[in-house]
Each structure stands twice: as C-alpha cells, then as structure tokens.
Amino acid sequence: MSNIKIFESNEFGEVRTSLINDEPYFSLNDVCRILDIKNTRDAKSRLNLDGVGTADVIDSLGRTQKANFINESNLYKLIFQSRKPEAEKFSDWVTGEVLPSIRKQGIYMTEQKAKDILADPDSIIEIANQWKKAEARLALAQTKIEEDKPKVLFADAVSASSKSCLMGELAKLISQEAIRQGKSDKKIGQNNLFKWMRNKGYLCKGGERRNQPKQVFIEQGLFEMKKGSYIDSNGTNVVTTTTKITGKGQVYFVNKFLG
C-alpha cells in the first residue's frame, strides 16, 4: 500500500512525498514540473542514484504504477541547477513548510492506516510507538547537528558535482541553506558576499585584480579563473576574466559562512 502524502501550494501546485527508509522523498515528476525541467530522464541521470527510490502511485486511469522519488539532497541539487526564478521560493516552501510537517508527524496517516485503526484498536498502540520513535530520532538528529556540525545536505548536493558557479549563485546557495538551517539572518546577496570575501582575505581588495581570488586559494582548489574575450564597438579584442567558485569551494564557503 502506498504511503504517499500530497502537499499543496497555491503557487506550485501539488508535490507528492513518500517516506523511504524513514527519510522524506519527493516525486521526481512533480519536482521537474515545478522547476520547469522538461526531461525527467536526463534529470535523473544527473542525480546521486543512491538517493533515488520508487513508490506506488495511482495514475489517471486508477492503475497502480511505480514512480521515481528523490531524497532531500537530490531535491536541492535540482533546485540549484534550475534556471526558473521561482526555484528559490520553492526551496523556501519545502524547507519552511513541507519538511517540518513531515518530520513533526513522523508517519503518514493514509486511508489504509485509518481503516486499520477502525478494524483493530491495537493499531493505536503501534502508531503511538512510531510517534515515540520519530520523536527520538528527531531529538538525536538535533543533538548530532549541534555536536558535529556535519556537512549540510545542500552542500552535499553541490559536492557531488564538479560544476563551478558565479558569486551570485554562491550567494543564493548560502541563502537557501541559511533558511533551511533556520538562520535566515545569515542570508546574503552577491555584493555583500564579494565584500565579505575581500574582508576575509580570499579576494584582492584593489587595483586591476580587485575581486579576483588570491593565488593561494586557487591552488587550494576553492576558486578558478575563466578567461574569455569579445570584440568591442571599436573593433578591439577585449580579454575578460571571471572568478568562479569550484564545487569544493562551494562546500567550503557554505560551511564557513554558516558555521
């Protein structure tokens, strides 16, 4: 029997969720629709397959079908890769409403579960025990976060990819993770992130190399420089240099900024 739970939003429509191995998973089709990702098969190929599972869903003809569901880390990876402007709002909704609701409830009250309770009152004891276990898992997880400060899930999604990003994208990444961790006061924009990196000594402060990373941090693999060129209106070949943050650097700065 399916343990699908549907969350609804006026802005994003429905997103189906399921508990797989006691972890929240999200319908890949629903997420791709919301993020305007057309090819779900291609999207799946770019994910960590350890975080892809299946669950039974009912199609429009009333048939039971197997559908792909993705874990939280893969969800963030798709959000980060999406070019849709609403992707950040979707992330806010998931982290602010959907995940807290799932973690608070610990179990899904499906139609079959309700029938089981009516047919067998002893089921209430089983549900109560599940609630206790869910509360214990939540308390243990919260303690572990405080003691170990593990690598954040969003940063895990980035570290699985070798894709470098621009400073504005890193600012968005930090802000999304800040919301997920309940640290909204640490949200930051691109200009302030440039300023923070200059003040901390990661970027040069002045001259022609202003906002370019210092060589030591390039050698550490946190940054890379992308060179390009274009012909201006006077016919002159202009060489450009763009600072990009590597996958390793993204993980480093998310943890550094929010730690």
C-alpha atoms as a PDB file:
ATOM      1  CA  MET A   1       0.000   0.000   0.000  1.00  0.00           C
ATOM      2  CA  SER A   2       1.311   3.409  -0.953  1.00  0.00           C
ATOM      3  CA  ASN A   3       2.300   5.838   1.796  1.00  0.00           C
ATOM      4  CA  ILE A   4       2.081   8.877  -0.456  1.00  0.00           C
ATOM      5  CA  LYS A   5       1.313  12.231   1.135  1.00  0.00           C
ATOM      6  CA  ILE A   6       0.486  15.230  -1.029  1.00  0.00           C
ATOM      7  CA  PHE A   7       1.441  18.803  -0.144  1.00  0.00           C
ATOM      8  CA  GLU A   8      -0.317  21.637  -1.947  1.00  0.00           C
ATOM      9  CA  SER A   9       0.729  25.205  -2.680  1.00  0.00           C
ATOM     10  CA  ASN A  10      -1.226  27.894  -4.497  1.00  0.00           C
ATOM     11  CA  GLU A  11       1.958  28.837  -6.347  1.00  0.00           C
ATOM     12  CA  PHE A  12       3.480  25.430  -7.107  1.00  0.00           C
ATOM     13  CA  GLY A  13       0.528  23.056  -7.156  1.00  0.00           C
ATOM     14  CA  GLU A  14       0.913  19.562  -5.728  1.00  0.00           C
ATOM     15  CA  VAL A  15       4.089  17.737  -4.763  1.00  0.00           C
ATOM     16  CA  ARG A  16       3.851  14.103  -3.725  1.00  0.00           C
ATOM     17  CA  THR A  17       6.111  12.841  -0.948  1.00  0.00           C
ATOM     18  CA  SER A  18       6.848   9.427   0.486  1.00  0.00           C
ATOM     19  CA  LEU A  19       8.840   8.040   3.392  1.00  0.00           C
ATOM     20  CA  ILE A  20      11.525   5.673   2.107  1.00  0.00           C
ATOM     21  CA  ASN A  21      13.801   4.137   4.736  1.00  0.00           C
ATOM     22  CA  ASP A  22      12.358   6.695   7.190  1.00  0.00           C
ATOM     23  CA  GLU A  23      13.571   9.594   5.020  1.00  0.00           C
ATOM     24  CA  PRO A  24      11.406  12.073   3.090  1.00  0.00           C
ATOM     25  CA  TYR A  25      11.456  11.581  -0.678  1.00  0.00           C
ATOM     26  CA  PHE A  26       9.838  13.774  -3.338  1.00  0.00           C
ATOM     27  CA  SER A  27       8.181  12.859  -6.635  1.00  0.00           C
ATOM     28  CA  LEU A  28      10.739  13.435  -9.391  1.00  0.00           C
ATOM     29  CA  ASN A  29       7.984  14.225 -11.902  1.00  0.00           C
ATOM     30  CA  ASP A  30       6.400  16.813  -9.599  1.00  0.00           C
ATOM     31  CA  VAL A  31       9.727  18.487  -8.822  1.00  0.00           C
ATOM     32  CA  CYS A  32      10.689  18.662 -12.511  1.00  0.00           C
ATOM     33  CA  ARG A  33       7.290  20.147 -13.369  1.00  0.00           C
ATOM     34  CA  ILE A  34       7.632  22.817 -10.681  1.00  0.00           C
ATOM     35  CA  LEU A  35      11.199  23.671 -11.709  1.00  0.00           C
ATOM     36  CA  ASP A  36      10.314  23.642 -15.420  1.00  0.00           C
ATOM     37  CA  ILE A  37      12.714  20.771 -16.156  1.00  0.00           C
ATOM     38  CA  LYS A  38      11.360  19.113 -19.299  1.00  0.00           C
ATOM     39  CA  ASN A  39      13.393  15.889 -19.458  1.00  0.00           C
ATOM     40  CA  THR A  40      12.961  13.901 -16.242  1.00  0.00           C
ATOM     41  CA  ARG A  41      15.078  11.030 -17.531  1.00  0.00           C
ATOM     42  CA  ASP A  42      18.014  13.369 -18.136  1.00  0.00           C
ATOM     43  CA  ALA A  43      17.454  14.992 -14.742  1.00  0.00           C
ATOM     44  CA  LYS A  44      17.554  11.590 -13.049  1.00  0.00           C
ATOM     45  CA  SER A  45      20.833  10.705 -14.797  1.00  0.00           C
ATOM     46  CA  ARG A  46      22.499  13.729 -13.158  1.00  0.00           C
ATOM     47  CA  LEU A  47      21.469  12.748  -9.628  1.00  0.00           C
ATOM     48  CA  ASN A  48      23.055  10.550  -6.988  1.00  0.00           C
ATOM     49  CA  LEU A  49      21.289   7.242  -7.655  1.00  0.00           C
ATOM     50  CA  ASP A  50      21.646   6.225  -4.004  1.00  0.00           C
ATOM     51  CA  GLY A  51      19.093   8.954  -3.326  1.00  0.00           C
ATOM     52  CA  VAL A  52      16.584   7.792  -5.952  1.00  0.00           C
ATOM     53  CA  GLY A  53      13.822   5.388  -4.942  1.00  0.00           C
ATOM     54  CA  THR A  54      10.403   4.276  -6.112  1.00  0.00           C
ATOM     55  CA  ALA A  55       6.934   4.377  -4.607  1.00  0.00           C
ATOM     56  CA  ASP A  56       3.492   3.252  -5.741  1.00  0.00           C
ATOM     57  CA  VAL A  57       1.293   5.990  -7.192  1.00  0.00           C
ATOM     58  CA  ILE A  58      -2.155   5.920  -8.769  1.00  0.00           C
ATOM     59  CA  ASP A  59      -2.294   7.161 -12.369  1.00  0.00           C
ATOM     60  CA  SER A  60      -5.182   8.985 -14.066  1.00  0.00           C
ATOM     61  CA  LEU A  61      -6.778   5.636 -15.015  1.00  0.00           C
ATOM     62  CA  GLY A  62      -6.750   4.388 -11.446  1.00  0.00           C
ATOM     63  CA  ARG A  63      -3.858   1.990 -12.002  1.00  0.00           C
ATOM     64  CA  THR A  64      -1.006   1.495  -9.544  1.00  0.00           C
ATOM     65  CA  GLN A  65       2.335   2.479 -11.062  1.00  0.00           C
ATOM     66  CA  LYS A  66       5.920   2.681  -9.838  1.00  0.00           C
ATOM     67  CA  ALA A  67       7.209   6.262  -9.839  1.00  0.00           C
ATOM     68  CA  ASN A  68      10.628   7.754  -9.142  1.00  0.00           C
ATOM     69  CA  PHE A  69      11.124   9.687  -5.909  1.00  0.00           C
ATOM     70  CA  ILE A  70      14.268  11.587  -4.865  1.00  0.00           C
ATOM     71  CA  ASN A  71      15.753  12.362  -1.472  1.00  0.00           C
ATOM     72  CA  GLU A  72      16.393  15.787   0.022  1.00  0.00           C
ATOM     73  CA  SER A  73      19.957  16.064  -1.257  1.00  0.00           C
ATOM     74  CA  ASN A  74      18.909  15.334  -4.841  1.00  0.00           C
ATOM     75  CA  LEU A  75      15.994  17.751  -4.492  1.00  0.00           C
ATOM     76  CA  TYR A  76      18.378  20.582  -3.613  1.00  0.00           C
ATOM     77  CA  LYS A  77      20.636  19.607  -6.497  1.00  0.00           C
ATOM     78  CA  LEU A  78      17.762  20.073  -8.970  1.00  0.00           C
ATOM     79  CA  ILE A  79      16.734  23.353  -7.331  1.00  0.00           C
ATOM     80  CA  PHE A  80      20.283  24.668  -7.618  1.00  0.00           C
ATOM     81  CA  GLN A  81      20.513  23.661 -11.287  1.00  0.00           C
ATOM     82  CA  SER A  82      17.129  25.160 -12.202  1.00  0.00           C
ATOM     83  CA  ARG A  83      17.060  28.448 -14.092  1.00  0.00           C
ATOM     84  CA  LYS A  84      13.471  29.175 -13.098  1.00  0.00           C
ATOM     85  CA  PRO A  85      13.236  32.380 -10.995  1.00  0.00           C
ATOM     86  CA  GLU A  86      10.714  30.723  -8.660  1.00  0.00           C
ATOM     87  CA  ALA A  87      13.185  27.956  -7.726  1.00  0.00           C
ATOM     88  CA  GLU A  88      14.307  29.836  -4.614  1.00  0.00           C
ATOM     89  CA  LYS A  89      10.690  30.343  -3.497  1.00  0.00           C
ATOM     90  CA  PHE A  90      10.062  26.629  -3.998  1.00  0.00           C
ATOM     91  CA  SER A  91      13.092  25.865  -1.826  1.00  0.00           C
ATOM     92  CA  ASP A  92      11.735  28.214   0.856  1.00  0.00           C
ATOM     93  CA  TRP A  93       8.358  26.446   0.791  1.00  0.00           C
ATOM     94  CA  VAL A  94       9.924  22.982   1.058  1.00  0.00           C
ATOM     95  CA  THR A  95      12.268  23.937   3.897  1.00  0.00           C
ATOM     96  CA  GLY A  96       9.745  26.126   5.707  1.00  0.00           C
ATOM     97  CA  GLU A  97       6.574  24.025   5.460  1.00  0.00           C
ATOM     98  CA  VAL A  98       6.894  20.619   3.822  1.00  0.00           C
ATOM     99  CA  LEU A  99       9.921  19.166   5.618  1.00  0.00           C
ATOM    100  CA  PRO A 100       8.949  20.437   9.103  1.00  0.00           C
ATOM    101  CA  SER A 101       5.493  18.886   8.637  1.00  0.00           C
ATOM    102  CA  ILE A 102       6.954  15.531   7.603  1.00  0.00           C
ATOM    103  CA  ARG A 103       9.467  15.470  10.441  1.00  0.00           C
ATOM    104  CA  LYS A 104       6.916  16.528  13.029  1.00  0.00           C
ATOM    105  CA  GLN A 105       4.432  13.830  12.045  1.00  0.00           C
ATOM    106  CA  GLY A 106       6.959  11.048  11.564  1.00  0.00           C
ATOM    107  CA  ILE A 107       4.283   8.841   9.923  1.00  0.00           C
ATOM    108  CA  TYR A 108       1.684   9.226   7.199  1.00  0.00           C
ATOM    109  CA  MET A 109      -1.998   8.796   8.030  1.00  0.00           C
ATOM    110  CA  THR A 110      -3.049   7.074   4.823  1.00  0.00           C
ATOM    111  CA  GLU A 111      -6.563   5.888   4.060  1.00  0.00           C
ATOM    112  CA  GLN A 112      -5.472   2.301   4.709  1.00  0.00           C
ATOM    113  CA  LYS A 113      -3.932   3.276   8.042  1.00  0.00           C
ATOM    114  CA  ALA A 114      -7.218   4.865   9.109  1.00  0.00           C
ATOM    115  CA  LYS A 115      -9.088   1.664   8.170  1.00  0.00           C
ATOM    116  CA  ASP A 116      -6.586  -0.401  10.162  1.00  0.00           C
ATOM    117  CA  ILE A 117      -7.261   1.685  13.261  1.00  0.00           C
ATOM    118  CA  LEU A 118     -11.024   1.256  12.931  1.00  0.00           C
ATOM    119  CA  ALA A 119     -10.663  -2.502  12.416  1.00  0.00           C
ATOM    120  CA  ASP A 120      -8.079  -3.030  15.142  1.00  0.00           C
ATOM    121  CA  PRO A 121      -7.803  -0.564  18.055  1.00  0.00           C
ATOM    122  CA  ASP A 122      -4.436  -2.127  18.931  1.00  0.00           C
ATOM    123  CA  SER A 123      -3.119  -0.257  15.894  1.00  0.00           C
ATOM    124  CA  ILE A 124      -3.245   2.885  18.015  1.00  0.00           C
ATOM    125  CA  ILE A 125      -0.502   1.423  20.206  1.00  0.00           C
ATOM    126  CA  GLU A 126       1.609   0.746  17.125  1.00  0.00           C
ATOM    127  CA  ILE A 127       1.121   4.322  15.914  1.00  0.00           C
ATOM    128  CA  ALA A 128       1.980   5.715  19.346  1.00  0.00           C
ATOM    129  CA  ASN A 129       5.212   3.708  19.300  1.00  0.00           C
ATOM    130  CA  GLN A 130       6.017   5.088  15.842  1.00  0.00           C
ATOM    131  CA  TRP A 131       5.464   8.607  17.142  1.00  0.00           C
ATOM    132  CA  LYS A 132       7.824   7.944  20.073  1.00  0.00           C
ATOM    133  CA  LYS A 133      10.474   6.577  17.736  1.00  0.00           C
ATOM    134  CA  ALA A 134      10.071   9.566  15.411  1.00  0.00           C
ATOM    135  CA  GLU A 135      10.464  11.978  18.326  1.00  0.00           C
ATOM    136  CA  ALA A 136      13.569  10.104  19.499  1.00  0.00           C
ATOM    137  CA  ARG A 137      15.088  10.206  16.004  1.00  0.00           C
ATOM    138  CA  LEU A 138      14.403  13.924  15.764  1.00  0.00           C
ATOM    139  CA  ALA A 139      15.998  14.625  19.151  1.00  0.00           C
ATOM    140  CA  LEU A 140      19.035  12.515  18.239  1.00  0.00           C
ATOM    141  CA  ALA A 141      19.395  14.284  14.892  1.00  0.00           C
ATOM    142  CA  GLN A 142      19.202  17.710  16.517  1.00  0.00           C
ATOM    143  CA  THR A 143      21.855  16.719  19.067  1.00  0.00           C
ATOM    144  CA  LYS A 144      24.140  15.417  16.346  1.00  0.00           C
ATOM    145  CA  ILE A 145      23.796  18.649  14.374  1.00  0.00           C
ATOM    146  CA  GLU A 146      24.824  20.681  17.402  1.00  0.00           C
ATOM    147  CA  GLU A 147      27.744  18.426  18.349  1.00  0.00           C
ATOM    148  CA  ASP A 148      29.205  17.527  14.976  1.00  0.00           C
ATOM    149  CA  LYS A 149      28.023  20.303  12.640  1.00  0.00           C
ATOM    150  CA  PRO A 150      28.079  17.872   9.713  1.00  0.00           C
ATOM    151  CA  LYS A 151      28.313  18.878   6.102  1.00  0.00           C
ATOM    152  CA  VAL A 152      24.937  20.304   5.135  1.00  0.00           C
ATOM    153  CA  LEU A 153      22.691  18.417   2.710  1.00  0.00           C
ATOM    154  CA  PHE A 154      22.628  21.242   0.204  1.00  0.00           C
ATOM    155  CA  ALA A 155      26.422  21.378   0.196  1.00  0.00           C
ATOM    156  CA  ASP A 156      26.479  17.592  -0.251  1.00  0.00           C
ATOM    157  CA  ALA A 157      24.424  18.035  -3.399  1.00  0.00           C
ATOM    158  CA  VAL A 158      26.949  20.570  -4.697  1.00  0.00           C
ATOM    159  CA  SER A 159      29.984  18.495  -3.736  1.00  0.00           C
ATOM    160  CA  ALA A 160      28.626  15.629  -5.842  1.00  0.00           C
ATOM    161  CA  SER A 161      29.005  17.864  -8.867  1.00  0.00           C
ATOM    162  CA  SER A 162      32.139  19.368 -10.389  1.00  0.00           C
ATOM    163  CA  LYS A 163      30.182  22.362 -11.682  1.00  0.00           C
ATOM    164  CA  SER A 164      31.659  25.742 -10.780  1.00  0.00           C
ATOM    165  CA  CYS A 165      29.417  28.723 -10.106  1.00  0.00           C
ATOM    166  CA  LEU A 166      29.474  32.510 -10.094  1.00  0.00           C
ATOM    167  CA  MET A 167      29.490  34.609  -6.924  1.00  0.00           C
ATOM    168  CA  GLY A 168      25.791  35.422  -7.287  1.00  0.00           C
ATOM    169  CA  GLU A 169      24.952  31.711  -7.463  1.00  0.00           C
ATOM    170  CA  LEU A 170      27.023  31.034  -4.345  1.00  0.00           C
ATOM    171  CA  ALA A 171      25.155  33.814  -2.520  1.00  0.00           C
ATOM    172  CA  LYS A 172      21.882  32.138  -3.499  1.00  0.00           C
ATOM    173  CA  LEU A 173      23.213  28.777  -2.311  1.00  0.00           C
ATOM    174  CA  ILE A 174      24.245  30.196   1.066  1.00  0.00           C
ATOM    175  CA  SER A 175      20.901  31.970   1.499  1.00  0.00           C
ATOM    176  CA  GLN A 176      18.893  28.831   0.695  1.00  0.00           C
ATOM    177  CA  GLU A 177      20.902  26.783   3.169  1.00  0.00           C
ATOM    178  CA  ALA A 178      20.613  29.545   5.787  1.00  0.00           C
ATOM    179  CA  ILE A 179      16.816  29.297   5.528  1.00  0.00           C
ATOM    180  CA  ARG A 180      16.955  25.501   5.752  1.00  0.00           C
ATOM    181  CA  GLN A 181      19.036  25.705   8.929  1.00  0.00           C
ATOM    182  CA  GLY A 182      16.794  28.352  10.490  1.00  0.00           C
ATOM    183  CA  LYS A 183      19.479  31.034  10.135  1.00  0.00           C
ATOM    184  CA  SER A 184      17.611  33.497   7.936  1.00  0.00           C
ATOM    185  CA  ASP A 185      19.635  36.358   9.404  1.00  0.00           C
ATOM    186  CA  LYS A 186      22.654  34.989   7.514  1.00  0.00           C
ATOM    187  CA  LYS A 187      21.092  35.332   4.064  1.00  0.00           C
ATOM    188  CA  ILE A 188      23.391  37.343   1.822  1.00  0.00           C
ATOM    189  CA  GLY A 189      23.429  38.946  -1.621  1.00  0.00           C
ATOM    190  CA  GLN A 190      26.141  38.954  -4.255  1.00  0.00           C
ATOM    191  CA  ASN A 191      27.653  42.371  -3.451  1.00  0.00           C
ATOM    192  CA  ASN A 192      27.839  41.713   0.281  1.00  0.00           C
ATOM    193  CA  LEU A 193      29.399  38.306  -0.383  1.00  0.00           C
ATOM    194  CA  PHE A 194      32.117  39.944  -2.501  1.00  0.00           C
ATOM    195  CA  LYS A 195      32.708  42.381   0.371  1.00  0.00           C
ATOM    196  CA  TRP A 196      32.842  39.558   2.940  1.00  0.00           C
ATOM    197  CA  MET A 197      35.413  37.658   0.859  1.00  0.00           C
ATOM    198  CA  ARG A 198      37.554  40.769   0.423  1.00  0.00           C
ATOM    199  CA  ASN A 199      37.475  41.477   4.164  1.00  0.00           C
ATOM    200  CA  LYS A 200      38.352  37.854   4.973  1.00  0.00           C
ATOM    201  CA  GLY A 201      41.287  37.933   2.566  1.00  0.00           C
ATOM    202  CA  TYR A 202      40.025  35.498  -0.048  1.00  0.00           C
ATOM    203  CA  LEU A 203      39.793  38.165  -2.776  1.00  0.00           C
ATOM    204  CA  CYS A 204      42.075  41.040  -3.716  1.00  0.00           C
ATOM    205  CA  LYS A 205      40.824  44.425  -2.494  1.00  0.00           C
ATOM    206  CA  GLY A 206      42.059  46.879  -5.111  1.00  0.00           C
ATOM    207  CA  GLY A 207      43.755  47.512  -8.410  1.00  0.00           C
ATOM    208  CA  GLU A 208      43.278  45.504 -11.580  1.00  0.00           C
ATOM    209  CA  ARG A 209      42.872  42.307  -9.557  1.00  0.00           C
ATOM    210  CA  ARG A 210      40.019  43.623  -7.385  1.00  0.00           C
ATOM    211  CA  ASN A 211      37.555  40.812  -6.596  1.00  0.00           C
ATOM    212  CA  GLN A 212      39.909  38.205  -8.047  1.00  0.00           C
ATOM    213  CA  PRO A 213      40.938  35.324  -5.754  1.00  0.00           C
ATOM    214  CA  LYS A 214      44.392  35.221  -4.259  1.00  0.00           C
ATOM    215  CA  GLN A 215      46.653  32.594  -5.761  1.00  0.00           C
ATOM    216  CA  VAL A 216      46.884  30.539  -2.568  1.00  0.00           C
ATOM    217  CA  PHE A 217      43.124  29.885  -2.627  1.00  0.00           C
ATOM    218  CA  ILE A 218      43.207  28.981  -6.321  1.00  0.00           C
ATOM    219  CA  GLU A 219      45.916  26.434  -5.516  1.00  0.00           C
ATOM    220  CA  GLN A 220      43.734  25.074  -2.706  1.00  0.00           C
ATOM    221  CA  GLY A 221      41.028  24.392  -5.281  1.00  0.00           C
ATOM    222  CA  LEU A 222      38.449  26.853  -3.924  1.00  0.00           C
ATOM    223  CA  PHE A 223      38.390  29.120  -6.982  1.00  0.00           C
ATOM    224  CA  GLU A 224      39.122  29.013 -10.673  1.00  0.00           C
ATOM    225  CA  MET A 225      39.532  31.789 -13.219  1.00  0.00           C
ATOM    226  CA  LYS A 226      37.687  31.635 -16.530  1.00  0.00           C
ATOM    227  CA  LYS A 227      39.128  33.737 -19.337  1.00  0.00           C
ATOM    228  CA  GLY A 228      37.127  34.956 -22.302  1.00  0.00           C
ATOM    229  CA  SER A 229      37.213  37.633 -24.953  1.00  0.00           C
ATOM    230  CA  TYR A 230      34.947  39.724 -27.118  1.00  0.00           C
ATOM    231  CA  ILE A 231      35.221  42.427 -29.792  1.00  0.00           C
ATOM    232  CA  ASP A 232      34.013  45.827 -28.570  1.00  0.00           C
ATOM    233  CA  SER A 233      32.335  48.540 -30.642  1.00  0.00           C
ATOM    234  CA  ASN A 234      35.751  49.907 -31.679  1.00  0.00           C
ATOM    235  CA  GLY A 235      36.842  46.556 -33.055  1.00  0.00           C
ATOM    236  CA  THR A 236      39.239  45.954 -30.171  1.00  0.00           C
ATOM    237  CA  ASN A 237      39.671  42.464 -28.754  1.00  0.00           C
ATOM    238  CA  VAL A 238      38.878  42.704 -25.028  1.00  0.00           C
ATOM    239  CA  VAL A 239      40.044  39.933 -22.696  1.00  0.00           C
ATOM    240  CA  THR A 240      37.802  39.187 -19.707  1.00  0.00           C
ATOM    241  CA  THR A 241      38.480  37.266 -16.508  1.00  0.00           C
ATOM    242  CA  THR A 242      35.668  35.807 -14.411  1.00  0.00           C
ATOM    243  CA  THR A 243      36.003  34.483 -10.868  1.00  0.00           C
ATOM    244  CA  LYS A 244      34.198  31.175 -10.318  1.00  0.00           C
ATOM    245  CA  ILE A 245      33.848  29.050  -7.200  1.00  0.00           C
ATOM    246  CA  THR A 246      34.562  25.338  -7.614  1.00  0.00           C
ATOM    247  CA  GLY A 247      32.357  22.572  -6.198  1.00  0.00           C
ATOM    248  CA  LYS A 248      34.909  22.153  -3.408  1.00  0.00           C
ATOM    249  CA  GLY A 249      34.840  25.904  -2.782  1.00  0.00           C
ATOM    250  CA  GLN A 250      31.051  25.972  -2.592  1.00  0.00           C
ATOM    251  CA  VAL A 251      31.043  23.335   0.145  1.00  0.00           C
ATOM    252  CA  TYR A 252      33.829  25.177   1.962  1.00  0.00           C
ATOM    253  CA  PHE A 253      32.140  28.588   1.909  1.00  0.00           C
ATOM    254  CA  VAL A 254      28.664  27.318   2.822  1.00  0.00           C
ATOM    255  CA  ASN A 255      30.103  25.684   5.938  1.00  0.00           C
ATOM    256  CA  LYS A 256      32.455  28.602   6.640  1.00  0.00           C
ATOM    257  CA  PHE A 257      29.717  31.214   6.353  1.00  0.00           C
ATOM    258  CA  LEU A 258      27.031  29.339   8.286  1.00  0.00           C
ATOM    259  CA  GLY A 259      29.253  27.518  10.782  1.00  0.00           C
END
